[in-house]
Amino acid sequence: MKKVEAIIRAEAFINLREALSTRGFSGLTVSEAAGCGKQKGKQGIFRGNKFEIKLVPRIKVEMVVEDEQVEDIVDLIVEYCSTNTVGDGKIFIYPVEEVIRIRSGERGKQAVL
């Protein structure tokens, strides 16, 4: 199993969520995040005063899936979250050693379904 973690623009999340659901990927965790990379923040104006926003708001989407599903999910994330501009985000893929459903004690693939 693998954990797919994507840091994406907030405005891309709704379309990504619908695409994942349509393709049968339903289990995910979503968190609000903030960060910076090459984009290095942006400038804002409040009551005529300029200020710099160093950390840009993002959404972090996390899914634990079978190895065979990883490329399909990566393709969906790229398709629905790419604007071809700096700040589109990143995808991280981690190996998952074990999954245990707390309620029933099920392990492995059965705990993810």
PDB file of N, CA and C in Angstrom:
ATOM      1  N   MET A   1       0.841  -1.179   0.000  1.00  0.00           N
ATOM      2  CA  MET A   1       0.000   0.000   0.000  1.00  0.00           C
ATOM      3  C   MET A   1       0.885   1.241   0.000  1.00  0.00           C
ATOM      4  N   LYS A   2       0.288   2.327  -0.452  1.00  0.00           N
ATOM      5  CA  LYS A   2       0.994   3.603  -0.506  1.00  0.00           C
ATOM      6  C   LYS A   2       0.087   4.701   0.048  1.00  0.00           C
ATOM      7  N   LYS A   3       0.725   5.733   0.596  1.00  0.00           N
ATOM      8  CA  LYS A   3       0.008   6.941   0.991  1.00  0.00           C
ATOM      9  C   LYS A   3       0.323   8.000  -0.049  1.00  0.00           C
ATOM     10  N   VAL A   4      -0.729   8.539  -0.665  1.00  0.00           N
ATOM     11  CA  VAL A   4      -0.582   9.620  -1.626  1.00  0.00           C
ATOM     12  C   VAL A   4      -1.006  10.896  -0.917  1.00  0.00           C
ATOM     13  N   GLU A   5      -0.115  11.853  -0.858  1.00  0.00           N
ATOM     14  CA  GLU A   5      -0.376  13.125  -0.194  1.00  0.00           C
ATOM     15  C   GLU A   5      -0.178  14.232  -1.226  1.00  0.00           C
ATOM     16  N   ALA A   6      -1.192  15.057  -1.414  1.00  0.00           N
ATOM     17  CA  ALA A   6      -1.106  16.142  -2.385  1.00  0.00           C
ATOM     18  C   ALA A   6      -1.397  17.461  -1.694  1.00  0.00           C
ATOM     19  N   ILE A   7      -0.548  18.437  -1.951  1.00  0.00           N
ATOM     20  CA  ILE A   7      -0.764  19.803  -1.484  1.00  0.00           C
ATOM     21  C   ILE A   7      -1.229  20.573  -2.720  1.00  0.00           C
ATOM     22  N   ILE A   8      -2.466  21.078  -2.701  1.00  0.00           N
ATOM     23  CA  ILE A   8      -3.058  21.674  -3.897  1.00  0.00           C
ATOM     24  C   ILE A   8      -3.683  23.034  -3.591  1.00  0.00           C
ATOM     25  N   ARG A   9      -4.014  23.756  -4.643  1.00  0.00           N
ATOM     26  CA  ARG A   9      -4.749  25.013  -4.503  1.00  0.00           C
ATOM     27  C   ARG A   9      -6.152  24.700  -3.995  1.00  0.00           C
ATOM     28  N   ALA A  10      -6.658  25.544  -3.105  1.00  0.00           N
ATOM     29  CA  ALA A  10      -7.980  25.313  -2.520  1.00  0.00           C
ATOM     30  C   ALA A  10      -9.071  25.278  -3.582  1.00  0.00           C
ATOM     31  N   GLU A  11      -8.956  26.130  -4.590  1.00  0.00           N
ATOM     32  CA  GLU A  11     -10.001  26.203  -5.612  1.00  0.00           C
ATOM     33  C   GLU A  11     -10.059  24.959  -6.494  1.00  0.00           C
ATOM     34  N   ALA A  12      -9.025  24.121  -6.479  1.00  0.00           N
ATOM     35  CA  ALA A  12      -9.003  22.899  -7.288  1.00  0.00           C
ATOM     36  C   ALA A  12      -9.631  21.718  -6.564  1.00  0.00           C
ATOM     37  N   PHE A  13      -9.840  21.840  -5.256  1.00  0.00           N
ATOM     38  CA  PHE A  13     -10.263  20.683  -4.468  1.00  0.00           C
ATOM     39  C   PHE A  13     -11.624  20.130  -4.866  1.00  0.00           C
ATOM     40  N   ILE A  14     -12.627  20.958  -5.070  1.00  0.00           N
ATOM     41  CA  ILE A  14     -13.981  20.459  -5.345  1.00  0.00           C
ATOM     42  C   ILE A  14     -13.990  19.594  -6.604  1.00  0.00           C
ATOM     43  N   ASN A  15     -13.363  20.061  -7.666  1.00  0.00           N
ATOM     44  CA  ASN A  15     -13.316  19.277  -8.904  1.00  0.00           C
ATOM     45  C   ASN A  15     -12.534  17.980  -8.726  1.00  0.00           C
ATOM     46  N   LEU A  16     -11.431  18.037  -7.971  1.00  0.00           N
ATOM     47  CA  LEU A  16     -10.654  16.828  -7.712  1.00  0.00           C
ATOM     48  C   LEU A  16     -11.484  15.833  -6.913  1.00  0.00           C
ATOM     49  N   ARG A  17     -12.165  16.306  -5.899  1.00  0.00           N
ATOM     50  CA  ARG A  17     -12.983  15.422  -5.058  1.00  0.00           C
ATOM     51  C   ARG A  17     -14.058  14.715  -5.882  1.00  0.00           C
ATOM     52  N   GLU A  18     -14.723  15.442  -6.754  1.00  0.00           N
ATOM     53  CA  GLU A  18     -15.749  14.847  -7.613  1.00  0.00           C
ATOM     54  C   GLU A  18     -15.146  13.810  -8.560  1.00  0.00           C
ATOM     55  N   ALA A  19     -13.984  14.122  -9.131  1.00  0.00           N
ATOM     56  CA  ALA A  19     -13.324  13.182 -10.046  1.00  0.00           C
ATOM     57  C   ALA A  19     -12.901  11.912  -9.315  1.00  0.00           C
ATOM     58  N   LEU A  20     -12.344  12.049  -8.115  1.00  0.00           N
ATOM     59  CA  LEU A  20     -11.947  10.875  -7.333  1.00  0.00           C
ATOM     60  C   LEU A  20     -13.161  10.021  -7.001  1.00  0.00           C
ATOM     61  N   SER A  21     -14.241  10.656  -6.575  1.00  0.00           N
ATOM     62  CA  SER A  21     -15.462   9.938  -6.214  1.00  0.00           C
ATOM     63  C   SER A  21     -16.047   9.209  -7.424  1.00  0.00           C
ATOM     64  N   THR A  22     -16.074   9.875  -8.568  1.00  0.00           N
ATOM     65  CA  THR A  22     -16.596   9.273  -9.796  1.00  0.00           C
ATOM     66  C   THR A  22     -15.805   8.035 -10.183  1.00  0.00           C
ATOM     67  N   ARG A  23     -14.501   8.038  -9.914  1.00  0.00           N
ATOM     68  CA  ARG A  23     -13.640   6.909 -10.272  1.00  0.00           C
ATOM     69  C   ARG A  23     -13.574   5.855  -9.161  1.00  0.00           C
ATOM     70  N   GLY A  24     -14.365   6.038  -8.093  1.00  0.00           N
ATOM     71  CA  GLY A  24     -14.427   5.026  -7.044  1.00  0.00           C
ATOM     72  C   GLY A  24     -13.439   5.187  -5.919  1.00  0.00           C
ATOM     73  N   PHE A  25     -12.727   6.307  -5.865  1.00  0.00           N
ATOM     74  CA  PHE A  25     -11.796   6.562  -4.763  1.00  0.00           C
ATOM     75  C   PHE A  25     -12.521   7.421  -3.734  1.00  0.00           C
ATOM     76  N   SER A  26     -12.952   6.820  -2.640  1.00  0.00           N
ATOM     77  CA  SER A  26     -13.792   7.564  -1.698  1.00  0.00           C
ATOM     78  C   SER A  26     -13.098   7.925  -0.391  1.00  0.00           C
ATOM     79  N   GLY A  27     -12.147   7.150   0.054  1.00  0.00           N
ATOM     80  CA  GLY A  27     -11.532   7.405   1.346  1.00  0.00           C
ATOM     81  C   GLY A  27     -10.397   8.394   1.262  1.00  0.00           C
ATOM     82  N   LEU A  28     -10.567   9.537   1.892  1.00  0.00           N
ATOM     83  CA  LEU A  28      -9.493  10.516   1.907  1.00  0.00           C
ATOM     84  C   LEU A  28      -9.594  11.384   3.146  1.00  0.00           C
ATOM     85  N   THR A  29      -8.494  12.013   3.466  1.00  0.00           N
ATOM     86  CA  THR A  29      -8.428  12.967   4.570  1.00  0.00           C
ATOM     87  C   THR A  29      -8.033  14.310   3.976  1.00  0.00           C
ATOM     88  N   VAL A  30      -8.703  15.363   4.419  1.00  0.00           N
ATOM     89  CA  VAL A  30      -8.445  16.699   3.896  1.00  0.00           C
ATOM     90  C   VAL A  30      -8.112  17.631   5.059  1.00  0.00           C
ATOM     91  N   SER A  31      -7.058  18.423   4.891  1.00  0.00           N
ATOM     92  CA  SER A  31      -6.639  19.380   5.917  1.00  0.00           C
ATOM     93  C   SER A  31      -6.347  20.719   5.267  1.00  0.00           C
ATOM     94  N   GLU A  32      -6.554  21.779   6.019  1.00  0.00           N
ATOM     95  CA  GLU A  32      -6.107  23.084   5.564  1.00  0.00           C
ATOM     96  C   GLU A  32      -4.622  23.189   5.853  1.00  0.00           C
ATOM     97  N   ALA A  33      -3.897  23.776   4.935  1.00  0.00           N
ATOM     98  CA  ALA A  33      -2.450  23.919   5.092  1.00  0.00           C
ATOM     99  C   ALA A  33      -2.040  25.299   4.605  1.00  0.00           C
ATOM    100  N   ALA A  34      -0.817  25.682   4.906  1.00  0.00           N
ATOM    101  CA  ALA A  34      -0.250  26.929   4.402  1.00  0.00           C
ATOM    102  C   ALA A  34       1.235  26.693   4.197  1.00  0.00           C
ATOM    103  N   GLY A  35       1.776  27.301   3.160  1.00  0.00           N
ATOM    104  CA  GLY A  35       3.192  27.117   2.913  1.00  0.00           C
ATOM    105  C   GLY A  35       3.678  28.011   1.793  1.00  0.00           C
ATOM    106  N   CYS A  36       4.952  27.835   1.475  1.00  0.00           N
ATOM    107  CA  CYS A  36       5.529  28.590   0.370  1.00  0.00           C
ATOM    108  C   CYS A  36       6.603  27.735  -0.274  1.00  0.00           C
ATOM    109  N   GLY A  37       6.855  28.020  -1.507  1.00  0.00           N
ATOM    110  CA  GLY A  37       7.890  27.336  -2.268  1.00  0.00           C
ATOM    111  C   GLY A  37       8.482  28.339  -3.213  1.00  0.00           C
ATOM    112  N   LYS A  38       8.529  28.002  -4.487  1.00  0.00           N
ATOM    113  CA  LYS A  38       9.042  28.930  -5.486  1.00  0.00           C
ATOM    114  C   LYS A  38       8.167  30.162  -5.594  1.00  0.00           C
ATOM    115  N   GLN A  39       6.889  30.002  -5.233  1.00  0.00           N
ATOM    116  CA  GLN A  39       5.955  31.127  -5.321  1.00  0.00           C
ATOM    117  C   GLN A  39       6.331  32.235  -4.338  1.00  0.00           C
ATOM    118  N   LYS A  40       6.899  31.886  -3.198  1.00  0.00           N
ATOM    119  CA  LYS A  40       7.395  32.823  -2.185  1.00  0.00           C
ATOM    120  C   LYS A  40       6.344  33.803  -1.692  1.00  0.00           C
ATOM    121  N   GLY A  41       5.103  33.371  -1.610  1.00  0.00           N
ATOM    122  CA  GLY A  41       4.050  34.232  -1.091  1.00  0.00           C
ATOM    123  C   GLY A  41       3.539  35.201  -2.137  1.00  0.00           C
ATOM    124  N   LYS A  42       2.749  36.153  -1.676  1.00  0.00           N
ATOM    125  CA  LYS A  42       2.207  37.160  -2.588  1.00  0.00           C
ATOM    126  C   LYS A  42       1.907  38.430  -1.817  1.00  0.00           C
ATOM    127  N   GLN A  43       1.676  39.519  -2.554  1.00  0.00           N
ATOM    128  CA  GLN A  43       1.360  40.788  -1.912  1.00  0.00           C
ATOM    129  C   GLN A  43      -0.147  40.983  -1.866  1.00  0.00           C
ATOM    130  N   GLY A  44      -0.601  41.588  -0.790  1.00  0.00           N
ATOM    131  CA  GLY A  44      -2.003  41.942  -0.662  1.00  0.00           C
ATOM    132  C   GLY A  44      -2.133  43.416  -0.321  1.00  0.00           C
ATOM    133  N   ILE A  45      -3.338  43.928  -0.451  1.00  0.00           N
ATOM    134  CA  ILE A  45      -3.601  45.322  -0.088  1.00  0.00           C
ATOM    135  C   ILE A  45      -4.795  45.335   0.849  1.00  0.00           C
ATOM    136  N   PHE A  46      -4.633  45.980   1.998  1.00  0.00           N
ATOM    137  CA  PHE A  46      -5.701  46.115   2.969  1.00  0.00           C
ATOM    138  C   PHE A  46      -5.821  47.585   3.346  1.00  0.00           C
ATOM    139  N   ARG A  47      -6.949  48.177   3.039  1.00  0.00           N
ATOM    140  CA  ARG A  47      -7.196  49.597   3.315  1.00  0.00           C
ATOM    141  C   ARG A  47      -6.085  50.497   2.772  1.00  0.00           C
ATOM    142  N   GLY A  48      -5.659  50.170   1.568  1.00  0.00           N
ATOM    143  CA  GLY A  48      -4.653  50.986   0.906  1.00  0.00           C
ATOM    144  C   GLY A  48      -3.222  50.688   1.297  1.00  0.00           C
ATOM    145  N   ASN A  49      -3.011  49.802   2.252  1.00  0.00           N
ATOM    146  CA  ASN A  49      -1.659  49.459   2.689  1.00  0.00           C
ATOM    147  C   ASN A  49      -1.245  48.117   2.100  1.00  0.00           C
ATOM    148  N   LYS A  50      -0.058  48.076   1.521  1.00  0.00           N
ATOM    149  CA  LYS A  50       0.460  46.827   0.978  1.00  0.00           C
ATOM    150  C   LYS A  50       1.045  45.987   2.108  1.00  0.00           C
ATOM    151  N   PHE A  51       0.854  44.672   1.999  1.00  0.00           N
ATOM    152  CA  PHE A  51       1.468  43.748   2.949  1.00  0.00           C
ATOM    153  C   PHE A  51       1.807  42.468   2.202  1.00  0.00           C
ATOM    154  N   GLU A  52       2.749  41.716   2.751  1.00  0.00           N
ATOM    155  CA  GLU A  52       3.194  40.492   2.100  1.00  0.00           C
ATOM    156  C   GLU A  52       2.653  39.276   2.847  1.00  0.00           C
ATOM    157  N   ILE A  53       2.071  38.355   2.094  1.00  0.00           N
ATOM    158  CA  ILE A  53       1.592  37.094   2.649  1.00  0.00           C
ATOM    159  C   ILE A  53       2.666  36.056   2.342  1.00  0.00           C
ATOM    160  N   LYS A  54       3.402  35.641   3.358  1.00  0.00           N
ATOM    161  CA  LYS A  54       4.520  34.723   3.141  1.00  0.00           C
ATOM    162  C   LYS A  54       4.059  33.279   3.002  1.00  0.00           C
ATOM    163  N   LEU A  55       2.988  32.898   3.698  1.00  0.00           N
ATOM    164  CA  LEU A  55       2.476  31.534   3.609  1.00  0.00           C
ATOM    165  C   LEU A  55       1.142  31.556   2.876  1.00  0.00           C
ATOM    166  N   VAL A  56       1.080  30.828   1.776  1.00  0.00           N
ATOM    167  CA  VAL A  56      -0.107  30.802   0.929  1.00  0.00           C
ATOM    168  C   VAL A  56      -1.015  29.653   1.372  1.00  0.00           C
ATOM    169  N   PRO A  57      -2.329  29.900   1.514  1.00  0.00           N
ATOM    170  CA  PRO A  57      -3.235  28.822   1.931  1.00  0.00           C
ATOM    171  C   PRO A  57      -3.335  27.731   0.870  1.00  0.00           C
ATOM    172  N   ARG A  58      -3.358  26.497   1.323  1.00  0.00           N
ATOM    173  CA  ARG A  58      -3.464  25.323   0.460  1.00  0.00           C
ATOM    174  C   ARG A  58      -4.355  24.279   1.131  1.00  0.00           C
ATOM    175  N   ILE A  59      -4.665  23.237   0.375  1.00  0.00           N
ATOM    176  CA  ILE A  59      -5.403  22.086   0.894  1.00  0.00           C
ATOM    177  C   ILE A  59      -4.481  20.875   0.788  1.00  0.00           C
ATOM    178  N   LYS A  60      -4.426  20.071   1.856  1.00  0.00           N
ATOM    179  CA  LYS A  60      -3.658  18.825   1.818  1.00  0.00           C
ATOM    180  C   LYS A  60      -4.646  17.668   1.758  1.00  0.00           C
ATOM    181  N   VAL A  61      -4.521  16.843   0.721  1.00  0.00           N
ATOM    182  CA  VAL A  61      -5.375  15.682   0.515  1.00  0.00           C
ATOM    183  C   VAL A  61      -4.511  14.448   0.700  1.00  0.00           C
ATOM    184  N   GLU A  62      -4.964  13.517   1.561  1.00  0.00           N
ATOM    185  CA  GLU A  62      -4.205  12.304   1.843  1.00  0.00           C
ATOM    186  C   GLU A  62      -5.079  11.081   1.593  1.00  0.00           C
ATOM    187  N   MET A  63      -4.500  10.078   0.945  1.00  0.00           N
ATOM    188  CA  MET A  63      -5.204   8.830   0.666  1.00  0.00           C
ATOM    189  C   MET A  63      -4.242   7.659   0.842  1.00  0.00           C
ATOM    190  N   VAL A  64      -4.727   6.568   1.414  1.00  0.00           N
ATOM    191  CA  VAL A  64      -3.962   5.330   1.459  1.00  0.00           C
ATOM    192  C   VAL A  64      -4.641   4.367   0.492  1.00  0.00           C
ATOM    193  N   VAL A  65      -3.873   3.896  -0.490  1.00  0.00           N
ATOM    194  CA  VAL A  65      -4.433   3.078  -1.560  1.00  0.00           C
ATOM    195  C   VAL A  65      -3.512   1.905  -1.877  1.00  0.00           C
ATOM    196  N   GLU A  66      -4.029   0.976  -2.667  1.00  0.00           N
ATOM    197  CA  GLU A  66      -3.209  -0.136  -3.133  1.00  0.00           C
ATOM    198  C   GLU A  66      -2.191   0.374  -4.146  1.00  0.00           C
ATOM    199  N   ASP A  67      -1.071  -0.303  -4.239  1.00  0.00           N
ATOM    200  CA  ASP A  67       0.011   0.120  -5.137  1.00  0.00           C
ATOM    201  C   ASP A  67      -0.473   0.340  -6.562  1.00  0.00           C
ATOM    202  N   GLU A  68      -1.366  -0.530  -7.039  1.00  0.00           N
ATOM    203  CA  GLU A  68      -1.837  -0.448  -8.428  1.00  0.00           C
ATOM    204  C   GLU A  68      -2.676   0.799  -8.691  1.00  0.00           C
ATOM    205  N   GLN A  69      -3.199   1.433  -7.666  1.00  0.00           N
ATOM    206  CA  GLN A  69      -4.072   2.594  -7.835  1.00  0.00           C
ATOM    207  C   GLN A  69      -3.314   3.920  -7.847  1.00  0.00           C
ATOM    208  N   VAL A  70      -2.063   3.911  -7.466  1.00  0.00           N
ATOM    209  CA  VAL A  70      -1.297   5.142  -7.288  1.00  0.00           C
ATOM    210  C   VAL A  70      -1.238   5.972  -8.569  1.00  0.00           C
ATOM    211  N   GLU A  71      -0.885   5.366  -9.680  1.00  0.00           N
ATOM    212  CA  GLU A  71      -0.727   6.138 -10.922  1.00  0.00           C
ATOM    213  C   GLU A  71      -2.050   6.744 -11.378  1.00  0.00           C
ATOM    214  N   ASP A  72      -3.168   6.020 -11.204  1.00  0.00           N
ATOM    215  CA  ASP A  72      -4.481   6.574 -11.565  1.00  0.00           C
ATOM    216  C   ASP A  72      -4.784   7.814 -10.734  1.00  0.00           C
ATOM    217  N   ILE A  73      -4.480   7.755  -9.449  1.00  0.00           N
ATOM    218  CA  ILE A  73      -4.740   8.887  -8.562  1.00  0.00           C
ATOM    219  C   ILE A  73      -3.819  10.058  -8.901  1.00  0.00           C
ATOM    220  N   VAL A  74      -2.552   9.779  -9.141  1.00  0.00           N
ATOM    221  CA  VAL A  74      -1.614  10.834  -9.525  1.00  0.00           C
ATOM    222  C   VAL A  74      -2.084  11.509 -10.808  1.00  0.00           C
ATOM    223  N   ASP A  75      -2.517  10.718 -11.786  1.00  0.00           N
ATOM    224  CA  ASP A  75      -3.008  11.280 -13.050  1.00  0.00           C
ATOM    225  C   ASP A  75      -4.214  12.193 -12.821  1.00  0.00           C
ATOM    226  N   LEU A  76      -5.141  11.784 -11.950  1.00  0.00           N
ATOM    227  CA  LEU A  76      -6.306  12.622 -11.643  1.00  0.00           C
ATOM    228  C   LEU A  76      -5.895  13.925 -10.965  1.00  0.00           C
ATOM    229  N   ILE A  77      -4.980  13.829 -10.018  1.00  0.00           N
ATOM    230  CA  ILE A  77      -4.530  15.039  -9.314  1.00  0.00           C
ATOM    231  C   ILE A  77      -3.902  16.015 -10.307  1.00  0.00           C
ATOM    232  N   VAL A  78      -3.030  15.516 -11.157  1.00  0.00           N
ATOM    233  CA  VAL A  78      -2.377  16.387 -12.137  1.00  0.00           C
ATOM    234  C   VAL A  78      -3.420  16.978 -13.094  1.00  0.00           C
ATOM    235  N   GLU A  79      -4.350  16.142 -13.571  1.00  0.00           N
ATOM    236  CA  GLU A  79      -5.364  16.614 -14.519  1.00  0.00           C
ATOM    237  C   GLU A  79      -6.249  17.714 -13.927  1.00  0.00           C
ATOM    238  N   TYR A  80      -6.679  17.545 -12.684  1.00  0.00           N
ATOM    239  CA  TYR A  80      -7.645  18.475 -12.093  1.00  0.00           C
ATOM    240  C   TYR A  80      -7.019  19.618 -11.302  1.00  0.00           C
ATOM    241  N   CYS A  81      -5.731  19.539 -11.002  1.00  0.00           N
ATOM    242  CA  CYS A  81      -5.117  20.573 -10.160  1.00  0.00           C
ATOM    243  C   CYS A  81      -4.048  21.399 -10.869  1.00  0.00           C
ATOM    244  N   SER A  82      -3.703  21.035 -12.076  1.00  0.00           N
ATOM    245  CA  SER A  82      -2.651  21.758 -12.784  1.00  0.00           C
ATOM    246  C   SER A  82      -3.209  22.973 -13.516  1.00  0.00           C
ATOM    247  N   THR A  83      -2.577  24.126 -13.273  1.00  0.00           N
ATOM    248  CA  THR A  83      -2.884  25.334 -14.040  1.00  0.00           C
ATOM    249  C   THR A  83      -1.665  25.743 -14.871  1.00  0.00           C
ATOM    250  N   ASN A  84      -0.621  24.920 -14.804  1.00  0.00           N
ATOM    251  CA  ASN A  84       0.648  25.194 -15.487  1.00  0.00           C
ATOM    252  C   ASN A  84       1.298  26.488 -15.020  1.00  0.00           C
ATOM    253  N   THR A  85       1.078  26.848 -13.748  1.00  0.00           N
ATOM    254  CA  THR A  85       1.735  28.018 -13.173  1.00  0.00           C
ATOM    255  C   THR A  85       2.382  27.636 -11.852  1.00  0.00           C
ATOM    256  N   VAL A  86       3.317  28.453 -11.420  1.00  0.00           N
ATOM    257  CA  VAL A  86       3.973  28.221 -10.142  1.00  0.00           C
ATOM    258  C   VAL A  86       2.919  28.231  -9.042  1.00  0.00           C
ATOM    259  N   GLY A  87       3.024  27.280  -8.112  1.00  0.00           N
ATOM    260  CA  GLY A  87       2.104  27.238  -6.993  1.00  0.00           C
ATOM    261  C   GLY A  87       1.001  26.204  -7.127  1.00  0.00           C
ATOM    262  N   ASP A  88       1.054  25.359  -8.156  1.00  0.00           N
ATOM    263  CA  ASP A  88       0.037  24.316  -8.324  1.00  0.00           C
ATOM    264  C   ASP A  88       0.118  23.267  -7.226  1.00  0.00           C
ATOM    265  N   GLY A  89       1.276  23.067  -6.618  1.00  0.00           N
ATOM    266  CA  GLY A  89       1.391  22.140  -5.505  1.00  0.00           C
ATOM    267  C   GLY A  89       2.360  21.008  -5.767  1.00  0.00           C
ATOM    268  N   LYS A  90       2.288  20.010  -4.896  1.00  0.00           N
ATOM    269  CA  LYS A  90       3.177  18.854  -4.953  1.00  0.00           C
ATOM    270  C   LYS A  90       2.387  17.601  -4.604  1.00  0.00           C
ATOM    271  N   ILE A  91       2.906  16.452  -5.081  1.00  0.00           N
ATOM    272  CA  ILE A  91       2.367  15.142  -4.720  1.00  0.00           C
ATOM    273  C   ILE A  91       3.516  14.359  -4.097  1.00  0.00           C
ATOM    274  N   PHE A  92       3.246  13.756  -2.946  1.00  0.00           N
ATOM    275  CA  PHE A  92       4.226  12.911  -2.268  1.00  0.00           C
ATOM    276  C   PHE A  92       3.646  11.509  -2.159  1.00  0.00           C
ATOM    277  N   ILE A  93       4.485  10.499  -2.351  1.00  0.00           N
ATOM    278  CA  ILE A  93       4.042   9.109  -2.260  1.00  0.00           C
ATOM    279  C   ILE A  93       4.947   8.395  -1.265  1.00  0.00           C
ATOM    280  N   TYR A  94       4.312   7.780  -0.258  1.00  0.00           N
ATOM    281  CA  TYR A  94       5.040   7.103   0.815  1.00  0.00           C
ATOM    282  C   TYR A  94       4.628   5.636   0.888  1.00  0.00           C
ATOM    283  N   PRO A  95       5.543   4.756   1.245  1.00  0.00           N
ATOM    284  CA  PRO A  95       5.139   3.369   1.498  1.00  0.00           C
ATOM    285  C   PRO A  95       4.379   3.290   2.830  1.00  0.00           C
ATOM    286  N   VAL A  96       3.368   2.438   2.885  1.00  0.00           N
ATOM    287  CA  VAL A  96       2.603   2.227   4.117  1.00  0.00           C
ATOM    288  C   VAL A  96       2.870   0.798   4.576  1.00  0.00           C
ATOM    289  N   GLU A  97       3.391   0.667   5.764  1.00  0.00           N
ATOM    290  CA  GLU A  97       3.751  -0.640   6.287  1.00  0.00           C
ATOM    291  C   GLU A  97       2.529  -1.430   6.737  1.00  0.00           C
ATOM    292  N   GLU A  98       1.586  -0.777   7.390  1.00  0.00           N
ATOM    293  CA  GLU A  98       0.418  -1.475   7.924  1.00  0.00           C
ATOM    294  C   GLU A  98      -0.715  -0.493   8.155  1.00  0.00           C
ATOM    295  N   VAL A  99      -1.941  -0.975   8.014  1.00  0.00           N
ATOM    296  CA  VAL A  99      -3.136  -0.197   8.319  1.00  0.00           C
ATOM    297  C   VAL A  99      -4.004  -1.048   9.238  1.00  0.00           C
ATOM    298  N   ILE A 100      -4.528  -0.435  10.285  1.00  0.00           N
ATOM    299  CA  ILE A 100      -5.384  -1.155  11.232  1.00  0.00           C
ATOM    300  C   ILE A 100      -6.634  -0.332  11.481  1.00  0.00           C
ATOM    301  N   ARG A 101      -7.798  -0.941  11.258  1.00  0.00           N
ATOM    302  CA  ARG A 101      -9.057  -0.265  11.562  1.00  0.00           C
ATOM    303  C   ARG A 101      -9.281  -0.385  13.074  1.00  0.00           C
ATOM    304  N   ILE A 102      -9.388   0.731  13.743  1.00  0.00           N
ATOM    305  CA  ILE A 102      -9.490   0.743  15.204  1.00  0.00           C
ATOM    306  C   ILE A 102     -10.745   0.008  15.682  1.00  0.00           C
ATOM    307  N   ARG A 103     -11.882   0.259  15.061  1.00  0.00           N
ATOM    308  CA  ARG A 103     -13.151  -0.326  15.505  1.00  0.00           C
ATOM    309  C   ARG A 103     -13.134  -1.846  15.515  1.00  0.00           C
ATOM    310  N   SER A 104     -12.648  -2.463  14.424  1.00  0.00           N
ATOM    311  CA  SER A 104     -12.765  -3.918  14.281  1.00  0.00           C
ATOM    312  C   SER A 104     -11.446  -4.670  14.419  1.00  0.00           C
ATOM    313  N   GLY A 105     -10.339  -3.954  14.353  1.00  0.00           N
ATOM    314  CA  GLY A 105      -9.042  -4.619  14.398  1.00  0.00           C
ATOM    315  C   GLY A 105      -8.605  -5.184  13.054  1.00  0.00           C
ATOM    316  N   GLU A 106      -9.398  -4.967  11.990  1.00  0.00           N
ATOM    317  CA  GLU A 106      -9.007  -5.453  10.665  1.00  0.00           C
ATOM    318  C   GLU A 106      -7.677  -4.820  10.275  1.00  0.00           C
ATOM    319  N   ARG A 107      -6.903  -5.579   9.490  1.00  0.00           N
ATOM    320  CA  ARG A 107      -5.584  -5.109   9.083  1.00  0.00           C
ATOM    321  C   ARG A 107      -5.431  -5.161   7.575  1.00  0.00           C
ATOM    322  N   GLY A 108      -4.487  -4.369   7.096  1.00  0.00           N
ATOM    323  CA  GLY A 108      -4.145  -4.388   5.685  1.00  0.00           C
ATOM    324  C   GLY A 108      -5.231  -3.826   4.791  1.00  0.00           C
ATOM    325  N   LYS A 109      -5.360  -4.423   3.621  1.00  0.00           N
ATOM    326  CA  LYS A 109      -6.300  -3.954   2.594  1.00  0.00           C
ATOM    327  C   LYS A 109      -7.720  -3.835   3.129  1.00  0.00           C
ATOM    328  N   GLN A 110      -8.152  -4.765   3.928  1.00  0.00           N
ATOM    329  CA  GLN A 110      -9.518  -4.750   4.466  1.00  0.00           C
ATOM    330  C   GLN A 110      -9.764  -3.539   5.377  1.00  0.00           C
ATOM    331  N   ALA A 111      -8.734  -3.053   6.020  1.00  0.00           N
ATOM    332  CA  ALA A 111      -8.884  -1.888   6.899  1.00  0.00           C
ATOM    333  C   ALA A 111      -9.039  -0.603   6.118  1.00  0.00           C
ATOM    334  N   VAL A 112      -8.589  -0.595   4.865  1.00  0.00           N
ATOM    335  CA  VAL A 112      -8.677   0.612   4.039  1.00  0.00           C
ATOM    336  C   VAL A 112     -10.014   0.692   3.324  1.00  0.00           C
ATOM    337  N   LEU A 113     -10.580  -0.430   2.953  1.00  0.00           N
ATOM    338  CA  LEU A 113     -11.839  -0.449   2.188  1.00  0.00           C
ATOM    339  C   LEU A 113     -13.004   0.096   2.962  1.00  0.00           C
TER     340      LEU A 113
END
